[in-house]
Amino acid sequence: MTSQLPPRETDHYTQLVEAAVVTTRALLAARENIADTIEARAMMCLHGPAGVGKTLAANVCLRELV
């Protein structure tokens, strides 16, 4: 199966020198919730204010899980 996720190189800020994704509580919670949602074959809503990293978190977690 071919991934439909954007390539890692296009993630926000990852083109900056020495930029890295930092594992935070929010990222760990997103990973756990996304994993549970995939296992249940269900849908979920990832919400929060603009600019907090929802898209980045979803992409990073999905790349790890699928």
C-alpha atoms as a PDB file:
ATOM      1  CA  MET A   1       0.000   0.000   0.000  1.00  0.00           C
ATOM      2  CA  THR A   2       1.359   3.423  -0.942  1.00  0.00           C
ATOM      3  CA  SER A   3       1.208   6.156   1.680  1.00  0.00           C
ATOM      4  CA  GLN A   4      -0.936   9.183   0.971  1.00  0.00           C
ATOM      5  CA  LEU A   5       0.857  11.219   3.612  1.00  0.00           C
ATOM      6  CA  PRO A   6       3.014  14.121   2.468  1.00  0.00           C
ATOM      7  CA  PRO A   7       6.753  13.382   2.499  1.00  0.00           C
ATOM      8  CA  ARG A   8       8.587  13.997   5.787  1.00  0.00           C
ATOM      9  CA  GLU A   9      10.709  16.687   4.097  1.00  0.00           C
ATOM     10  CA  THR A  10       7.628  18.905   3.691  1.00  0.00           C
ATOM     11  CA  ASP A  11       6.732  18.916   7.411  1.00  0.00           C
ATOM     12  CA  HIS A  12       6.614  22.343   9.037  1.00  0.00           C
ATOM     13  CA  TYR A  13      10.011  23.719  10.007  1.00  0.00           C
ATOM     14  CA  THR A  14      11.880  20.469   9.358  1.00  0.00           C
ATOM     15  CA  GLN A  15      13.916  22.159   6.642  1.00  0.00           C
ATOM     16  CA  LEU A  16      15.526  24.410   9.241  1.00  0.00           C
ATOM     17  CA  VAL A  17      19.034  23.449  10.313  1.00  0.00           C
ATOM     18  CA  GLU A  18      18.973  21.035  13.284  1.00  0.00           C
ATOM     19  CA  ALA A  19      15.154  21.112  13.505  1.00  0.00           C
ATOM     20  CA  ALA A  20      13.588  18.039  15.079  1.00  0.00           C
ATOM     21  CA  VAL A  21      10.221  16.825  16.282  1.00  0.00           C
ATOM     22  CA  VAL A  22      10.163  16.813  20.080  1.00  0.00           C
ATOM     23  CA  THR A  23       8.069  14.220  21.857  1.00  0.00           C
ATOM     24  CA  THR A  24       5.694  16.114  24.130  1.00  0.00           C
ATOM     25  CA  ARG A  25       2.733  14.939  26.215  1.00  0.00           C
ATOM     26  CA  ALA A  26       0.432  16.266  23.508  1.00  0.00           C
ATOM     27  CA  LEU A  27       2.255  14.289  20.803  1.00  0.00           C
ATOM     28  CA  LEU A  28       2.172  11.121  22.920  1.00  0.00           C
ATOM     29  CA  ALA A  29      -1.564  11.605  23.543  1.00  0.00           C
ATOM     30  CA  ALA A  30      -2.172  12.152  19.835  1.00  0.00           C
ATOM     31  CA  ARG A  31      -0.203   8.983  18.991  1.00  0.00           C
ATOM     32  CA  GLU A  32      -2.174   6.918  21.510  1.00  0.00           C
ATOM     33  CA  ASN A  33      -5.516   8.312  20.347  1.00  0.00           C
ATOM     34  CA  ILE A  34      -4.684   7.819  16.671  1.00  0.00           C
ATOM     35  CA  ALA A  35      -3.522   4.241  17.335  1.00  0.00           C
ATOM     36  CA  ASP A  36      -6.750   3.477  19.220  1.00  0.00           C
ATOM     37  CA  THR A  37      -8.796   5.041  16.427  1.00  0.00           C
ATOM     38  CA  ILE A  38      -7.035   2.977  13.757  1.00  0.00           C
ATOM     39  CA  GLU A  39      -7.513  -0.193  15.788  1.00  0.00           C
ATOM     40  CA  ALA A  40     -11.222   0.565  16.223  1.00  0.00           C
ATOM     41  CA  ARG A  41     -11.535   1.502  12.533  1.00  0.00           C
ATOM     42  CA  ALA A  42     -13.224   4.677  13.703  1.00  0.00           C
ATOM     43  CA  MET A  43     -12.940   8.433  13.192  1.00  0.00           C
ATOM     44  CA  MET A  44     -11.520  11.076  15.511  1.00  0.00           C
ATOM     45  CA  CYS A  45     -11.192  14.828  15.660  1.00  0.00           C
ATOM     46  CA  LEU A  46      -7.857  16.431  16.476  1.00  0.00           C
ATOM     47  CA  HIS A  47      -8.596  20.007  17.510  1.00  0.00           C
ATOM     48  CA  GLY A  48      -6.854  23.001  18.978  1.00  0.00           C
ATOM     49  CA  PRO A  49      -5.884  26.586  18.203  1.00  0.00           C
ATOM     50  CA  ALA A  50      -4.202  27.493  14.943  1.00  0.00           C
ATOM     51  CA  GLY A  51      -0.468  26.901  14.857  1.00  0.00           C
ATOM     52  CA  VAL A  52      -0.096  24.429  17.729  1.00  0.00           C
ATOM     53  CA  GLY A  53       0.994  21.523  15.510  1.00  0.00           C
ATOM     54  CA  LYS A  54      -2.135  19.462  14.821  1.00  0.00           C
ATOM     55  CA  THR A  55      -1.156  18.645  11.240  1.00  0.00           C
ATOM     56  CA  LEU A  56       2.456  17.926  12.170  1.00  0.00           C
ATOM     57  CA  ALA A  57       1.363  15.663  15.042  1.00  0.00           C
ATOM     58  CA  ALA A  58      -1.080  13.770  12.830  1.00  0.00           C
ATOM     59  CA  ASN A  59       1.481  13.260  10.061  1.00  0.00           C
ATOM     60  CA  VAL A  60       4.300  12.204  12.413  1.00  0.00           C
ATOM     61  CA  CYS A  61       2.065   9.764  14.276  1.00  0.00           C
ATOM     62  CA  LEU A  62       0.517   8.282  11.154  1.00  0.00           C
ATOM     63  CA  ARG A  63       3.946   7.698   9.598  1.00  0.00           C
ATOM     64  CA  GLU A  64       4.944   5.715  12.701  1.00  0.00           C
ATOM     65  CA  LEU A  65       1.724   3.739  12.918  1.00  0.00           C
ATOM     66  CA  VAL A  66       1.007   2.772   9.313  1.00  0.00           C
END
